[in-house]
Amino acid sequence: MAKPKGARHKLREHFLANLGTILNADDLRIVSGGISEWARRVRELRTEEGYQILTHNDLSHLKPGQYLLNDPSPQQAYVRNISKETRAFVLDRDGFTCQQCGAVAAEPHPFDPTRKTRLQIGHVIDKSLGGSDEASNLRALCSVCNEGAGNLTLDRPTLQKLLVQVRRATSDDQRQVLKWLQTKFPKS
């Protein structure tokens, strides 16, 4: 009996069958079998298999959530060897919060309250640009921000997002926020 195809395999086949065609996130989610980790599988096609899948970060005419594969030949893939110990250290150091949007691990995600926040380890300077796997070049990022879809607008933060940011701050910074609030609202 043939082994069922995984999400990464399905996505690879779809990209190769649609060379030069802009694909959107909703279609890729469906192609992957509807799994929540479809974006991670696309990232693995880039980082582990070397496919040059382009996004809005690469081409200005692409919108967030659009993907494009022009070349069917994979390039040299970048091996990522982050140990469990380094991963645990970075997550602990960063307070188990996304260092871009402030979402807290396992809590409802500020951009999509229907799902829980899943943290990943992201590079400050990407491996493809010479970045290392040293803890000083790593940070905790939620799956939304690590894919590059977070913080696209400069809307006024919601109360939940603001509280997440304050919780993420150092104790000294939290005290400064408290002092500022007490100054702003002296009679409260």
C-alpha atoms as a PDB file:
ATOM      1  CA  MET A   1       0.000   0.000   0.000  1.00  0.00           C
ATOM      2  CA  ALA A   2       1.348   3.445  -0.953  1.00  0.00           C
ATOM      3  CA  LYS A   3       2.218   5.832   1.847  1.00  0.00           C
ATOM      4  CA  PRO A   4      -0.031   8.949   1.832  1.00  0.00           C
ATOM      5  CA  LYS A   5       1.664  12.128   0.637  1.00  0.00           C
ATOM      6  CA  GLY A   6       2.555  14.652   3.318  1.00  0.00           C
ATOM      7  CA  ALA A   7       1.767  18.366   3.204  1.00  0.00           C
ATOM      8  CA  ARG A   8       5.285  19.341   2.114  1.00  0.00           C
ATOM      9  CA  HIS A   9       5.157  16.872  -0.792  1.00  0.00           C
ATOM     10  CA  LYS A  10       1.726  18.171  -1.869  1.00  0.00           C
ATOM     11  CA  LEU A  11       2.920  21.782  -1.716  1.00  0.00           C
ATOM     12  CA  ARG A  12       6.100  20.985  -3.688  1.00  0.00           C
ATOM     13  CA  GLU A  13       4.036  19.305  -6.423  1.00  0.00           C
ATOM     14  CA  HIS A  14       1.618  22.253  -6.515  1.00  0.00           C
ATOM     15  CA  PHE A  15       4.397  24.836  -6.820  1.00  0.00           C
ATOM     16  CA  LEU A  16       6.113  22.823  -9.577  1.00  0.00           C
ATOM     17  CA  ALA A  17       2.816  22.385 -11.460  1.00  0.00           C
ATOM     18  CA  ASN A  18       2.214  26.151 -11.241  1.00  0.00           C
ATOM     19  CA  LEU A  19       5.653  27.573 -12.137  1.00  0.00           C
ATOM     20  CA  GLY A  20       5.492  31.318 -12.715  1.00  0.00           C
ATOM     21  CA  THR A  21       1.970  31.574 -11.278  1.00  0.00           C
ATOM     22  CA  ILE A  22       1.289  33.647  -8.181  1.00  0.00           C
ATOM     23  CA  LEU A  23      -0.255  31.380  -5.551  1.00  0.00           C
ATOM     24  CA  ASN A  24      -2.118  32.669  -2.507  1.00  0.00           C
ATOM     25  CA  ALA A  25      -2.079  31.506   1.090  1.00  0.00           C
ATOM     26  CA  ASP A  26      -5.676  30.256   1.107  1.00  0.00           C
ATOM     27  CA  ASP A  27      -5.029  27.957  -1.863  1.00  0.00           C
ATOM     28  CA  LEU A  28      -1.796  26.661  -0.322  1.00  0.00           C
ATOM     29  CA  ARG A  29      -3.589  25.904   2.944  1.00  0.00           C
ATOM     30  CA  ILE A  30      -6.137  23.822   0.999  1.00  0.00           C
ATOM     31  CA  VAL A  31      -3.446  22.080  -1.085  1.00  0.00           C
ATOM     32  CA  SER A  32      -1.599  21.128   2.118  1.00  0.00           C
ATOM     33  CA  GLY A  33      -4.667  19.297   3.321  1.00  0.00           C
ATOM     34  CA  GLY A  34      -5.852  22.154   5.520  1.00  0.00           C
ATOM     35  CA  ILE A  35      -3.133  21.745   8.147  1.00  0.00           C
ATOM     36  CA  SER A  36      -2.365  24.729  10.368  1.00  0.00           C
ATOM     37  CA  GLU A  37       1.382  24.354   9.772  1.00  0.00           C
ATOM     38  CA  TRP A  38       1.194  24.817   5.974  1.00  0.00           C
ATOM     39  CA  ALA A  39       3.354  27.976   6.103  1.00  0.00           C
ATOM     40  CA  ARG A  40       6.087  26.067   7.945  1.00  0.00           C
ATOM     41  CA  ARG A  41       6.059  23.465   5.147  1.00  0.00           C
ATOM     42  CA  VAL A  42       6.503  26.224   2.543  1.00  0.00           C
ATOM     43  CA  ARG A  43       9.397  27.595   4.586  1.00  0.00           C
ATOM     44  CA  GLU A  44      10.923  24.098   4.731  1.00  0.00           C
ATOM     45  CA  LEU A  45      10.720  23.883   0.925  1.00  0.00           C
ATOM     46  CA  ARG A  46      12.824  27.070   0.845  1.00  0.00           C
ATOM     47  CA  THR A  47      15.247  26.413   3.672  1.00  0.00           C
ATOM     48  CA  GLU A  48      15.654  22.641   3.651  1.00  0.00           C
ATOM     49  CA  GLU A  49      15.075  21.796  -0.003  1.00  0.00           C
ATOM     50  CA  GLY A  50      16.357  25.027  -1.572  1.00  0.00           C
ATOM     51  CA  TYR A  51      13.355  26.025  -3.696  1.00  0.00           C
ATOM     52  CA  GLN A  52      13.418  29.759  -4.387  1.00  0.00           C
ATOM     53  CA  ILE A  53       9.808  30.464  -3.415  1.00  0.00           C
ATOM     54  CA  LEU A  54       9.396  34.236  -3.512  1.00  0.00           C
ATOM     55  CA  THR A  55       7.167  36.371  -1.259  1.00  0.00           C
ATOM     56  CA  HIS A  56       6.419  40.072  -0.825  1.00  0.00           C
ATOM     57  CA  ASN A  57       9.740  40.313   1.009  1.00  0.00           C
ATOM     58  CA  ASP A  58      11.495  39.371  -2.243  1.00  0.00           C
ATOM     59  CA  LEU A  59       9.351  41.058  -4.922  1.00  0.00           C
ATOM     60  CA  SER A  60       7.565  44.362  -4.355  1.00  0.00           C
ATOM     61  CA  HIS A  61       4.639  43.502  -6.652  1.00  0.00           C
ATOM     62  CA  LEU A  62       3.690  40.496  -4.511  1.00  0.00           C
ATOM     63  CA  LYS A  63       1.234  41.136  -1.709  1.00  0.00           C
ATOM     64  CA  PRO A  64       1.493  39.520   1.737  1.00  0.00           C
ATOM     65  CA  GLY A  65       0.187  35.983   1.447  1.00  0.00           C
ATOM     66  CA  GLN A  66       1.279  35.572  -2.187  1.00  0.00           C
ATOM     67  CA  TYR A  67       3.971  33.111  -3.265  1.00  0.00           C
ATOM     68  CA  LEU A  68       5.787  32.562  -6.549  1.00  0.00           C
ATOM     69  CA  LEU A  69       8.135  29.848  -7.808  1.00  0.00           C
ATOM     70  CA  ASN A  70       9.848  30.670 -11.118  1.00  0.00           C
ATOM     71  CA  ASP A  71      12.664  28.109 -11.143  1.00  0.00           C
ATOM     72  CA  PRO A  72      11.971  24.365 -10.729  1.00  0.00           C
ATOM     73  CA  SER A  73      15.603  23.659  -9.780  1.00  0.00           C
ATOM     74  CA  PRO A  74      16.348  23.872  -6.055  1.00  0.00           C
ATOM     75  CA  GLN A  75      19.393  25.833  -4.951  1.00  0.00           C
ATOM     76  CA  GLN A  76      21.759  24.859  -2.182  1.00  0.00           C
ATOM     77  CA  ALA A  77      19.681  24.559   0.962  1.00  0.00           C
ATOM     78  CA  TYR A  78      20.802  26.020   4.265  1.00  0.00           C
ATOM     79  CA  VAL A  79      21.147  23.502   7.052  1.00  0.00           C
ATOM     80  CA  ARG A  80      19.731  24.728  10.324  1.00  0.00           C
ATOM     81  CA  ASN A  81      21.257  23.040  13.313  1.00  0.00           C
ATOM     82  CA  ILE A  82      19.740  24.679  16.360  1.00  0.00           C
ATOM     83  CA  SER A  83      20.106  22.386  19.340  1.00  0.00           C
ATOM     84  CA  LYS A  84      17.259  21.705  21.756  1.00  0.00           C
ATOM     85  CA  GLU A  85      19.298  23.379  24.471  1.00  0.00           C
ATOM     86  CA  THR A  86      19.775  26.576  22.435  1.00  0.00           C
ATOM     87  CA  ARG A  87      16.087  26.598  21.498  1.00  0.00           C
ATOM     88  CA  ALA A  88      15.078  26.218  25.163  1.00  0.00           C
ATOM     89  CA  PHE A  89      17.527  28.966  26.190  1.00  0.00           C
ATOM     90  CA  VAL A  90      16.180  31.423  23.572  1.00  0.00           C
ATOM     91  CA  LEU A  91      12.538  30.740  24.456  1.00  0.00           C
ATOM     92  CA  ASP A  92      13.264  31.187  28.171  1.00  0.00           C
ATOM     93  CA  ARG A  93      15.378  34.315  27.581  1.00  0.00           C
ATOM     94  CA  ASP A  94      12.582  35.836  25.490  1.00  0.00           C
ATOM     95  CA  GLY A  95       9.942  35.025  28.105  1.00  0.00           C
ATOM     96  CA  PHE A  96       8.062  32.626  25.802  1.00  0.00           C
ATOM     97  CA  THR A  97       6.736  35.609  23.849  1.00  0.00           C
ATOM     98  CA  CYS A  98       7.042  36.599  20.205  1.00  0.00           C
ATOM     99  CA  GLN A  99       9.693  39.295  19.981  1.00  0.00           C
ATOM    100  CA  GLN A 100       7.892  40.970  17.077  1.00  0.00           C
ATOM    101  CA  CYS A 101       4.203  41.119  18.043  1.00  0.00           C
ATOM    102  CA  GLY A 102       4.370  40.108  21.718  1.00  0.00           C
ATOM    103  CA  ALA A 103       2.064  37.095  21.462  1.00  0.00           C
ATOM    104  CA  VAL A 104       2.495  34.691  24.373  1.00  0.00           C
ATOM    105  CA  ALA A 105       2.979  30.957  23.795  1.00  0.00           C
ATOM    106  CA  ALA A 106      -0.211  28.869  24.053  1.00  0.00           C
ATOM    107  CA  GLU A 107      -2.460  31.922  24.536  1.00  0.00           C
ATOM    108  CA  PRO A 108      -4.900  33.062  21.819  1.00  0.00           C
ATOM    109  CA  HIS A 109      -2.950  34.824  19.061  1.00  0.00           C
ATOM    110  CA  PRO A 110      -3.577  38.620  18.994  1.00  0.00           C
ATOM    111  CA  PHE A 111      -4.134  38.582  15.204  1.00  0.00           C
ATOM    112  CA  ASP A 112      -6.266  35.418  15.168  1.00  0.00           C
ATOM    113  CA  PRO A 113      -7.885  34.673  18.553  1.00  0.00           C
ATOM    114  CA  THR A 114      -9.326  31.408  17.185  1.00  0.00           C
ATOM    115  CA  ARG A 115      -5.903  29.742  17.367  1.00  0.00           C
ATOM    116  CA  LYS A 116      -3.244  29.458  20.031  1.00  0.00           C
ATOM    117  CA  THR A 117       0.156  31.078  19.606  1.00  0.00           C
ATOM    118  CA  ARG A 118       2.916  28.701  18.515  1.00  0.00           C
ATOM    119  CA  LEU A 119       6.447  29.939  18.958  1.00  0.00           C
ATOM    120  CA  GLN A 120       9.323  29.214  16.618  1.00  0.00           C
ATOM    121  CA  ILE A 121      12.957  30.247  16.620  1.00  0.00           C
ATOM    122  CA  GLY A 122      13.811  32.912  14.055  1.00  0.00           C
ATOM    123  CA  HIS A 123      17.101  34.403  12.990  1.00  0.00           C
ATOM    124  CA  VAL A 124      17.835  38.108  13.432  1.00  0.00           C
ATOM    125  CA  ILE A 125      20.233  37.902  10.467  1.00  0.00           C
ATOM    126  CA  ASP A 126      19.081  35.070   8.213  1.00  0.00           C
ATOM    127  CA  LYS A 127      21.362  32.134   7.496  1.00  0.00           C
ATOM    128  CA  SER A 128      21.187  32.972   3.785  1.00  0.00           C
ATOM    129  CA  LEU A 129      22.753  36.374   4.609  1.00  0.00           C
ATOM    130  CA  GLY A 130      25.511  34.890   6.747  1.00  0.00           C
ATOM    131  CA  GLY A 131      23.709  34.773  10.089  1.00  0.00           C
ATOM    132  CA  SER A 132      24.660  32.145  12.626  1.00  0.00           C
ATOM    133  CA  ASP A 133      22.747  29.727  14.835  1.00  0.00           C
ATOM    134  CA  GLU A 134      24.243  31.361  17.957  1.00  0.00           C
ATOM    135  CA  ALA A 135      21.712  32.351  20.618  1.00  0.00           C
ATOM    136  CA  SER A 136      22.644  36.022  20.159  1.00  0.00           C
ATOM    137  CA  ASN A 137      21.336  35.813  16.550  1.00  0.00           C
ATOM    138  CA  LEU A 138      18.127  33.987  17.482  1.00  0.00           C
ATOM    139  CA  ARG A 139      14.795  35.173  18.839  1.00  0.00           C
ATOM    140  CA  ALA A 140      11.402  33.729  19.663  1.00  0.00           C
ATOM    141  CA  LEU A 141       8.816  34.478  16.975  1.00  0.00           C
ATOM    142  CA  CYS A 142       5.255  33.294  16.569  1.00  0.00           C
ATOM    143  CA  SER A 143       4.433  31.370  13.413  1.00  0.00           C
ATOM    144  CA  VAL A 144       2.613  34.419  11.978  1.00  0.00           C
ATOM    145  CA  CYS A 145       5.548  36.805  12.394  1.00  0.00           C
ATOM    146  CA  ASN A 146       8.163  34.220  11.423  1.00  0.00           C
ATOM    147  CA  GLU A 147       6.391  33.831   8.081  1.00  0.00           C
ATOM    148  CA  GLY A 148       6.475  37.633   7.697  1.00  0.00           C
ATOM    149  CA  ALA A 149       2.747  38.263   7.891  1.00  0.00           C
ATOM    150  CA  GLY A 150       2.647  40.046  11.249  1.00  0.00           C
ATOM    151  CA  ASN A 151       2.702  43.775  12.010  1.00  0.00           C
ATOM    152  CA  LEU A 152       1.922  44.880   8.467  1.00  0.00           C
ATOM    153  CA  THR A 153      -0.084  47.896   9.551  1.00  0.00           C
ATOM    154  CA  LEU A 154       0.468  50.636  12.075  1.00  0.00           C
ATOM    155  CA  ASP A 155      -3.033  50.484  13.559  1.00  0.00           C
ATOM    156  CA  ARG A 156      -3.527  51.591  17.139  1.00  0.00           C
ATOM    157  CA  PRO A 157      -2.903  48.504  19.293  1.00  0.00           C
ATOM    158  CA  THR A 158      -5.823  46.765  20.938  1.00  0.00           C
ATOM    159  CA  LEU A 159      -5.897  46.434  24.704  1.00  0.00           C
ATOM    160  CA  GLN A 160      -4.841  42.778  24.410  1.00  0.00           C
ATOM    161  CA  LYS A 161      -1.856  43.615  22.185  1.00  0.00           C
ATOM    162  CA  LEU A 162      -0.825  46.461  24.462  1.00  0.00           C
ATOM    163  CA  LEU A 163      -0.965  44.234  27.552  1.00  0.00           C
ATOM    164  CA  VAL A 164       1.063  41.595  25.729  1.00  0.00           C
ATOM    165  CA  GLN A 165       3.742  44.201  24.973  1.00  0.00           C
ATOM    166  CA  VAL A 166       3.848  45.381  28.589  1.00  0.00           C
ATOM    167  CA  ARG A 167       4.126  41.790  29.852  1.00  0.00           C
ATOM    168  CA  ARG A 168       7.007  41.225  27.442  1.00  0.00           C
ATOM    169  CA  ALA A 169       8.926  44.250  28.754  1.00  0.00           C
ATOM    170  CA  THR A 170      11.542  44.092  31.490  1.00  0.00           C
ATOM    171  CA  SER A 171      10.476  44.736  35.091  1.00  0.00           C
ATOM    172  CA  ASP A 172      12.220  48.125  35.028  1.00  0.00           C
ATOM    173  CA  ASP A 173      10.329  49.123  31.866  1.00  0.00           C
ATOM    174  CA  GLN A 174       7.049  47.905  33.404  1.00  0.00           C
ATOM    175  CA  ARG A 175       7.711  50.136  36.435  1.00  0.00           C
ATOM    176  CA  GLN A 176       8.316  53.093  34.083  1.00  0.00           C
ATOM    177  CA  VAL A 177       4.983  52.401  32.364  1.00  0.00           C
ATOM    178  CA  LEU A 178       3.285  52.326  35.779  1.00  0.00           C
ATOM    179  CA  LYS A 179       4.910  55.655  36.771  1.00  0.00           C
ATOM    180  CA  TRP A 180       3.807  57.212  33.490  1.00  0.00           C
ATOM    181  CA  LEU A 181       0.229  55.961  33.958  1.00  0.00           C
ATOM    182  CA  GLN A 182       0.169  57.293  37.545  1.00  0.00           C
ATOM    183  CA  THR A 183       1.343  60.684  36.255  1.00  0.00           C
ATOM    184  CA  LYS A 184      -1.207  60.706  33.442  1.00  0.00           C
ATOM    185  CA  PHE A 185      -4.096  59.630  35.708  1.00  0.00           C
ATOM    186  CA  PRO A 186      -3.219  61.034  39.175  1.00  0.00           C
ATOM    187  CA  LYS A 187      -6.785  60.857  40.529  1.00  0.00           C
ATOM    188  CA  SER A 188      -7.451  57.238  39.507  1.00  0.00           C
END
